[in-house]
Amino acid sequence: ALDALERIYAVTNRPRDLASILRRKRSKAEGEARRDLTFRLGQLYAGPLSDDERAIESFREVLEGEPGHAESIAALETYLGRPKHRLEVAKFLEPHFLAANNFPKLAWVLQVIVEGTASGPERLELLRRLVRVHDEALGDQESAFAAVTEAVSEYPEEEPLWDDLDRLAGVVGRRAAQAKRLEEVYGSKRLTNDAQLRLARRLAVLCDEGLGERKRAEPYHMFILQQDADDAVSFAAVDALLKAEERYEELSKVLRARAYRTTQSPVRVDMLQQLAFVLEDMLEKPAEATATYREIRDAQPENELAIKSLERLLEAGGKWEELCELLEQTLGIAQFESEFDRRLRIAQLREQRLEQQTAALDDYRQLLVQNAEDGRLV
């Protein structure tokens, strides 16, 4: 009787009555027969009865009993385009596509799940899986790059994602896009100071070497030097750029800052020596250059360059008393001039520049005792 009613309701287009008959038959059926009836019910709910919830429930029941049931999978796929049910259906289909190694559709449902999942650890893991599916299973590095770019934006503190972004950008030739996304992260100030420093290093290398844009790398090198004055790579990059652009005022600030921040005494002296040169020769600031050479002598009293440069600057500036004092301080220290010649210069300064004839006469007498035959003493 039920079979007859089923035929009549099917022919006369009475889907609601037909569904009632199918449910009655299903209640007594088992195994494959039950699954066939359930699938037919799903088709009725999905079609003329317009009951999406029951349709999805029916197709899911079929797949739970027969995971590879292609017709039910195809029927459920239609709901992936419907906002109300797409997340629920995608989550259900995901393990079926994974088990079948159907990676194109696995990527599809993962994207749907990502879009429907709030920010947090679960969404992060979904994005990572999506990247792997595109990259490793599908060999679609462009899509993998797009996914990891999104992940970096949402989870900037996840530094392994930076590595994935770098690798994929190299594969697909998207260094400019990589730099843009990392610069957005850098500018967001969402990282700890240590992480910000690591990102600055990465961006400096990317702009310098990956893009060949030294100017673009400058702020990252500057930040690195603020945090780590002993970073020789960033200093060399900034030094070369500022010199090439003849930005000597800025270079003097960089040199001074590094000199004061470094933990290494030789580096401090080297920075001060370079600074003194810039101040004297490039910026024509002899007073500041003199002060800087004095700083060098504070750190290294016997520094030959500082002593010679101070002598030259003091003499050029007519600062005879300071020059005489310097010569006296460096007696026995300056290796580039004998002590006798140095004392002679002191005596000459006192006689010719400082009008200290008495003191100069005493100096000459002492020098005659040492070398009476020196014609300069006559």
Protein backbone atom coordinates (compact mmCIF):
# COMPACT_ATOMS: atom_id res chain seq x y z
CA ALA A 1 0.00 0.00 0.00
CA LEU A 2 2.80 2.42 0.86
CA ASP A 3 4.52 1.72 -2.45
CA ALA A 4 1.29 2.45 -4.30
CA LEU A 5 0.74 5.69 -2.42
CA GLU A 6 4.31 6.64 -3.12
CA ARG A 7 3.80 6.20 -6.85
CA ILE A 8 0.54 8.15 -6.81
CA TYR A 9 1.96 11.08 -4.81
CA ALA A 10 5.02 11.21 -7.04
CA VAL A 11 2.93 11.24 -10.24
CA THR A 12 0.42 13.75 -8.95
CA ASN A 13 3.13 16.08 -7.64
CA ARG A 14 2.16 15.98 -3.96
CA PRO A 15 5.62 16.38 -2.33
CA ARG A 16 4.41 16.86 1.21
CA ASP A 17 2.33 13.66 1.15
CA LEU A 18 5.17 11.88 -0.63
CA ALA A 19 7.59 12.94 2.14
CA SER A 20 5.19 11.52 4.75
CA ILE A 21 5.14 8.17 2.97
CA LEU A 22 8.94 8.11 2.65
CA ARG A 23 9.35 8.82 6.35
CA ARG A 24 7.02 5.92 7.21
CA LYS A 25 8.94 3.58 4.95
CA ARG A 26 12.27 4.79 6.34
CA SER A 27 11.23 4.05 9.89
CA LYS A 28 11.11 0.37 9.00
CA ALA A 29 14.17 0.27 6.72
CA GLU A 30 17.82 -0.40 7.51
CA GLY A 31 21.22 -0.04 5.87
CA GLU A 32 21.37 0.95 2.23
CA ALA A 33 17.58 1.01 1.87
CA ARG A 34 17.26 3.49 4.72
CA ARG A 35 20.00 5.66 3.22
CA ASP A 36 18.27 5.71 -0.17
CA LEU A 37 15.01 6.80 1.42
CA THR A 38 16.79 9.43 3.49
CA PHE A 39 18.49 10.81 0.38
CA ARG A 40 15.16 11.01 -1.44
CA LEU A 41 13.70 12.87 1.55
CA GLY A 42 16.62 15.25 1.42
CA GLN A 43 15.89 15.94 -2.25
CA LEU A 44 12.25 16.73 -1.43
CA TYR A 45 13.24 19.04 1.43
CA ALA A 46 15.86 20.74 -0.70
CA GLY A 47 13.47 21.11 -3.64
CA PRO A 48 9.69 21.47 -3.57
CA LEU A 49 9.35 21.55 0.22
CA SER A 50 12.01 24.29 0.68
CA ASP A 51 13.04 23.06 4.12
CA ASP A 52 16.80 23.64 4.20
CA GLU A 53 17.31 22.44 7.77
CA ARG A 54 15.68 19.07 7.11
CA ALA A 55 17.42 18.73 3.78
CA ILE A 56 20.84 19.27 5.35
CA GLU A 57 19.98 16.90 8.18
CA SER A 58 18.97 14.21 5.66
CA PHE A 59 22.10 14.51 3.53
CA ARG A 60 24.29 14.48 6.64
CA GLU A 61 22.61 11.29 7.84
CA VAL A 62 23.35 9.62 4.51
CA LEU A 63 27.01 10.65 4.68
CA GLU A 64 27.37 9.46 8.26
CA GLY A 65 26.34 6.01 7.08
CA GLU A 66 28.15 6.19 3.72
CA PRO A 67 30.93 8.81 3.87
CA GLY A 68 31.66 8.79 0.15
CA HIS A 69 28.07 9.24 -1.03
CA ALA A 70 28.71 11.56 -3.96
CA GLU A 71 25.11 12.71 -4.50
CA SER A 72 24.76 13.84 -0.87
CA ILE A 73 28.08 15.67 -0.97
CA ALA A 74 27.03 17.44 -4.17
CA ALA A 75 23.69 18.36 -2.63
CA LEU A 76 25.37 19.82 0.46
CA GLU A 77 27.83 21.79 -1.66
CA THR A 78 24.95 23.90 -2.93
CA TYR A 79 24.53 25.27 0.59
CA LEU A 80 28.08 26.61 0.66
CA GLY A 81 26.80 29.58 -1.32
CA ARG A 82 24.00 30.33 1.13
CA PRO A 83 25.01 32.57 4.05
CA LYS A 84 22.66 30.98 6.57
CA HIS A 85 24.01 27.44 6.29
CA ARG A 86 27.44 27.70 4.64
CA LEU A 87 29.52 27.56 7.85
CA GLU A 88 27.65 24.57 9.26
CA VAL A 89 27.87 22.68 5.97
CA ALA A 90 31.54 23.56 5.43
CA LYS A 91 32.47 22.19 8.85
CA PHE A 92 30.62 18.98 8.10
CA LEU A 93 32.12 18.51 4.63
CA GLU A 94 35.71 19.35 5.64
CA PRO A 95 36.63 15.87 7.01
CA HIS A 96 34.95 14.19 4.03
CA PHE A 97 37.04 16.18 1.54
CA LEU A 98 40.17 15.53 3.61
CA ALA A 99 39.52 11.78 3.73
CA ALA A 100 38.97 11.75 -0.03
CA ASN A 101 42.14 13.83 -0.67
CA ASN A 102 39.91 16.25 -2.55
CA PHE A 103 42.21 19.19 -1.91
CA PRO A 104 40.56 21.79 -4.16
CA LYS A 105 37.30 21.37 -2.30
CA LEU A 106 39.10 21.08 1.02
CA ALA A 107 40.62 24.51 0.36
CA TRP A 108 37.17 25.78 -0.56
CA VAL A 109 35.51 24.70 2.69
CA LEU A 110 38.48 25.78 4.80
CA GLN A 111 38.15 29.27 3.33
CA VAL A 112 34.45 29.26 4.22
CA ILE A 113 35.23 28.13 7.77
CA VAL A 114 37.92 30.79 8.13
CA GLU A 115 35.49 33.48 7.05
CA GLY A 116 32.95 32.32 9.60
CA THR A 117 35.32 31.91 12.55
CA ALA A 118 36.02 34.72 14.98
CA SER A 119 39.59 35.84 15.62
CA GLY A 120 41.45 33.56 17.99
CA PRO A 121 43.58 30.41 18.12
CA GLU A 122 41.07 28.36 16.10
CA ARG A 123 41.04 30.86 13.23
CA LEU A 124 44.83 31.06 13.29
CA GLU A 125 45.14 27.28 12.97
CA LEU A 126 42.59 27.26 10.14
CA LEU A 127 44.59 29.87 8.24
CA ARG A 128 47.75 27.83 8.73
CA ARG A 129 45.99 24.74 7.38
CA LEU A 130 44.68 26.71 4.42
CA VAL A 131 48.20 27.91 3.62
CA ARG A 132 49.53 24.33 3.75
CA VAL A 133 46.75 22.96 1.54
CA HIS A 134 47.31 25.60 -1.13
CA ASP A 135 51.10 25.34 -0.93
CA GLU A 136 51.82 21.66 -0.38
CA ALA A 137 48.75 19.79 -1.61
CA LEU A 138 47.71 21.98 -4.55
CA GLY A 139 51.00 23.61 -5.45
CA ASP A 140 49.12 26.89 -5.67
CA GLN A 141 51.66 29.25 -4.12
CA GLU A 142 49.76 32.37 -5.23
CA SER A 143 46.74 31.35 -3.15
CA ALA A 144 49.02 30.25 -0.32
CA PHE A 145 50.68 33.67 -0.41
CA ALA A 146 47.29 35.40 -0.26
CA ALA A 147 46.28 33.28 2.74
CA VAL A 148 49.49 33.82 4.67
CA THR A 149 49.34 37.55 3.93
CA GLU A 150 45.94 37.63 5.58
CA ALA A 151 47.24 35.59 8.50
CA VAL A 152 50.19 37.93 9.09
CA SER A 153 47.85 40.90 9.16
CA GLU A 154 45.56 39.29 11.71
CA TYR A 155 48.23 37.62 13.83
CA PRO A 156 51.34 39.82 13.52
CA GLU A 157 52.88 38.41 16.68
CA GLU A 158 53.07 34.91 15.12
CA GLU A 159 56.61 35.17 13.78
CA PRO A 160 56.64 31.76 12.01
CA LEU A 161 54.09 33.32 9.67
CA TRP A 162 56.73 35.92 8.71
CA ASP A 163 58.92 33.04 7.54
CA ASP A 164 56.10 31.56 5.47
CA LEU A 165 55.40 34.96 3.96
CA ASP A 166 59.07 35.41 3.09
CA ARG A 167 59.38 31.99 1.48
CA LEU A 168 56.20 32.27 -0.56
CA ALA A 169 56.93 35.84 -1.63
CA GLY A 170 60.21 34.58 -3.04
CA VAL A 171 58.48 31.76 -4.92
CA VAL A 172 55.77 33.92 -6.51
CA GLY A 173 57.90 37.04 -6.92
CA ARG A 174 55.85 39.22 -4.60
CA ARG A 175 58.53 40.97 -2.56
CA ALA A 176 56.79 44.33 -2.88
CA ALA A 177 53.55 42.92 -1.47
CA GLN A 178 55.50 41.20 1.30
CA ALA A 179 57.16 44.48 2.25
CA LYS A 180 53.85 46.33 2.19
CA ARG A 181 52.21 43.86 4.57
CA LEU A 182 55.17 43.77 6.96
CA GLU A 183 55.34 47.56 6.95
CA GLU A 184 51.67 47.65 7.93
CA VAL A 185 52.47 45.33 10.84
CA TYR A 186 55.48 47.45 11.78
CA GLY A 187 53.39 50.61 11.78
CA SER A 188 50.58 49.05 13.81
CA LYS A 189 52.70 49.03 17.01
CA ARG A 190 51.04 45.77 18.04
CA LEU A 191 54.33 43.99 18.73
CA THR A 192 56.54 43.88 21.77
CA ASN A 193 59.68 45.97 21.52
CA ASP A 194 61.83 42.87 20.95
CA ALA A 195 59.54 41.63 18.19
CA GLN A 196 59.47 45.11 16.66
CA LEU A 197 63.26 45.01 16.55
CA ARG A 198 63.27 41.60 14.85
CA LEU A 199 60.75 42.86 12.30
CA ALA A 200 62.86 45.97 11.68
CA ARG A 201 65.85 43.76 10.91
CA ARG A 202 63.76 41.70 8.51
CA LEU A 203 62.38 44.80 6.78
CA ALA A 204 65.81 46.38 6.51
CA VAL A 205 67.16 43.32 4.69
CA LEU A 206 64.03 43.04 2.53
CA CYS A 207 64.15 46.68 1.43
CA ASP A 208 67.92 46.73 0.96
CA GLU A 209 68.44 43.38 -0.73
CA GLY A 210 65.03 42.18 -1.85
CA LEU A 211 63.82 45.46 -3.33
CA GLY A 212 67.06 47.40 -3.73
CA GLU A 213 65.51 50.41 -1.99
CA ARG A 214 68.11 51.75 0.46
CA LYS A 215 66.07 54.84 1.23
CA ARG A 216 63.07 52.73 2.20
CA ALA A 217 65.24 50.69 4.55
CA GLU A 218 66.55 53.78 6.36
CA PRO A 219 63.91 54.05 9.15
CA TYR A 220 64.35 50.38 10.01
CA HIS A 221 68.12 50.71 10.25
CA MET A 222 67.65 53.83 12.40
CA PHE A 223 65.35 51.95 14.77
CA ILE A 224 67.80 49.06 14.96
CA LEU A 225 70.61 51.44 15.94
CA GLN A 226 68.41 53.03 18.60
CA GLN A 227 67.88 49.60 20.14
CA ASP A 228 71.29 48.07 19.40
CA ALA A 229 74.05 50.60 18.88
CA ASP A 230 76.55 47.81 18.18
CA ASP A 231 74.72 46.59 15.07
CA ALA A 232 77.47 47.04 12.49
CA VAL A 233 75.30 46.11 9.49
CA SER A 234 72.69 48.79 10.12
CA PHE A 235 75.32 51.38 10.92
CA ALA A 236 77.15 50.66 7.66
CA ALA A 237 73.90 50.96 5.71
CA VAL A 238 72.95 54.28 7.31
CA ASP A 239 76.48 55.62 7.04
CA ALA A 240 76.66 54.83 3.33
CA LEU A 241 73.24 56.31 2.59
CA LEU A 242 73.79 59.58 4.48
CA LYS A 243 77.21 60.06 2.91
CA ALA A 244 75.87 59.35 -0.58
CA GLU A 245 73.17 61.97 -0.05
CA GLU A 246 75.59 64.37 1.70
CA ARG A 247 73.34 64.55 4.75
CA TYR A 248 76.21 65.30 7.08
CA GLU A 249 74.18 66.98 9.81
CA GLU A 250 72.11 63.83 10.20
CA LEU A 251 75.23 61.70 9.97
CA SER A 252 76.78 63.64 12.84
CA LYS A 253 73.72 62.85 14.99
CA VAL A 254 73.90 59.16 14.11
CA LEU A 255 77.62 59.03 14.92
CA ARG A 256 77.14 60.81 18.24
CA ALA A 257 74.20 58.64 19.23
CA ARG A 258 76.07 55.44 18.45
CA ALA A 259 79.14 56.70 20.31
CA TYR A 260 77.08 57.27 23.45
CA ARG A 261 75.01 54.08 23.23
CA THR A 262 77.62 51.51 22.33
CA THR A 263 78.89 49.11 24.96
CA GLN A 264 82.24 48.69 23.19
CA SER A 265 84.98 51.20 23.94
CA PRO A 266 86.78 50.79 20.57
CA VAL A 267 83.51 51.44 18.75
CA ARG A 268 82.92 54.56 20.84
CA VAL A 269 86.35 55.94 19.94
CA ASP A 270 85.87 55.08 16.26
CA MET A 271 82.49 56.86 16.19
CA LEU A 272 83.95 59.93 17.89
CA GLN A 273 86.82 60.04 15.41
CA GLN A 274 84.42 59.86 12.48
CA LEU A 275 82.23 62.48 14.12
CA ALA A 276 85.15 64.85 14.61
CA PHE A 277 86.09 64.49 10.95
CA VAL A 278 82.52 65.26 9.82
CA LEU A 279 82.28 68.26 12.15
CA GLU A 280 85.61 69.71 11.04
CA ASP A 281 85.78 68.93 7.33
CA MET A 282 82.17 68.55 6.18
CA LEU A 283 80.22 70.84 8.50
CA GLU A 284 83.02 73.32 9.24
CA LYS A 285 82.34 73.38 12.96
CA PRO A 286 85.84 73.58 14.46
CA ALA A 287 84.66 74.27 18.01
CA GLU A 288 82.50 71.12 18.07
CA ALA A 289 85.25 69.13 16.40
CA THR A 290 87.69 70.31 19.09
CA ALA A 291 85.30 69.25 21.84
CA THR A 292 84.90 65.85 20.20
CA TYR A 293 88.67 65.29 19.97
CA ARG A 294 88.86 66.12 23.67
CA GLU A 295 86.27 63.40 24.31
CA ILE A 296 88.47 60.97 22.43
CA ARG A 297 91.43 61.91 24.63
CA ASP A 298 89.28 61.40 27.72
CA ALA A 299 88.81 57.82 26.58
CA GLN A 300 92.30 57.36 25.12
CA PRO A 301 94.75 60.00 26.40
CA GLU A 302 97.50 58.79 24.05
CA ASN A 303 95.32 58.79 20.91
CA GLU A 304 97.67 60.19 18.24
CA LEU A 305 94.95 61.32 15.85
CA ALA A 306 93.17 63.26 18.60
CA ILE A 307 96.39 64.90 19.82
CA LYS A 308 97.54 65.96 16.35
CA SER A 309 94.06 67.19 15.40
CA LEU A 310 93.72 69.19 18.59
CA GLU A 311 97.11 70.80 17.99
CA ARG A 312 96.07 71.75 14.48
CA LEU A 313 92.68 73.15 15.52
CA LEU A 314 94.03 75.09 18.50
CA GLU A 315 96.79 76.58 16.39
CA ALA A 316 94.36 77.53 13.60
CA GLY A 317 92.09 79.14 16.15
CA GLY A 318 94.92 81.05 17.84
CA LYS A 319 94.21 79.39 21.18
CA TRP A 320 97.80 79.51 22.35
CA GLU A 321 97.28 78.91 26.06
CA GLU A 322 95.18 75.78 25.34
CA LEU A 323 97.75 74.58 22.82
CA CYS A 324 100.58 75.09 25.34
CA GLU A 325 98.60 73.21 27.97
CA LEU A 326 97.97 70.34 25.53
CA LEU A 327 101.66 70.11 24.67
CA GLU A 328 102.55 69.93 28.36
CA GLN A 329 99.86 67.29 29.05
CA THR A 330 101.14 65.05 26.28
CA LEU A 331 104.86 65.20 27.16
CA GLY A 332 106.03 61.61 27.26
CA ILE A 333 102.72 60.43 25.72
CA ALA A 334 102.95 61.64 22.15
CA GLN A 335 104.94 59.02 20.26
CA PHE A 336 105.11 60.99 17.01
CA GLU A 337 107.43 63.71 18.40
CA SER A 338 110.42 63.64 20.71
CA GLU A 339 110.07 65.12 24.18
CA PHE A 340 112.89 67.54 23.40
CA ASP A 341 111.11 68.90 20.32
CA ARG A 342 107.87 69.15 22.24
CA ARG A 343 109.49 71.14 25.05
CA LEU A 344 111.08 73.40 22.46
CA ARG A 345 107.65 74.13 20.98
CA ILE A 346 106.35 74.99 24.45
CA ALA A 347 109.21 77.39 24.98
CA GLN A 348 108.61 79.02 21.60
CA LEU A 349 104.91 79.43 22.33
CA ARG A 350 105.65 81.13 25.64
CA GLU A 351 108.14 83.43 24.02
CA GLN A 352 106.34 84.29 20.79
CA ARG A 353 102.63 83.97 21.55
CA LEU A 354 102.03 84.15 25.28
CA GLU A 355 104.59 86.86 26.20
CA GLN A 356 105.89 84.68 29.01
CA GLN A 357 109.56 85.49 28.51
CA THR A 358 110.67 84.45 31.98
CA ALA A 359 109.08 81.03 31.67
CA ALA A 360 110.36 80.69 28.12
CA LEU A 361 113.93 81.55 29.27
CA ASP A 362 113.77 78.83 31.93
CA ASP A 363 112.58 76.36 29.30
CA TYR A 364 115.44 77.26 26.96
CA ARG A 365 118.02 76.87 29.76
CA GLN A 366 116.75 73.36 30.55
CA LEU A 367 116.86 72.44 26.88
CA LEU A 368 120.47 73.73 26.56
CA VAL A 369 121.48 71.44 29.38
CA GLN A 370 120.03 68.51 27.40
CA ASN A 371 121.45 69.49 24.00
CA ALA A 372 123.69 72.56 23.89
CA GLU A 373 124.53 71.97 20.24
CA ASP A 374 120.95 72.32 18.91
CA GLY A 375 121.02 75.37 16.63
CA ARG A 376 117.37 76.18 17.34
CA LEU A 377 118.31 77.24 20.88
CA VAL A 378 120.75 79.96 19.78
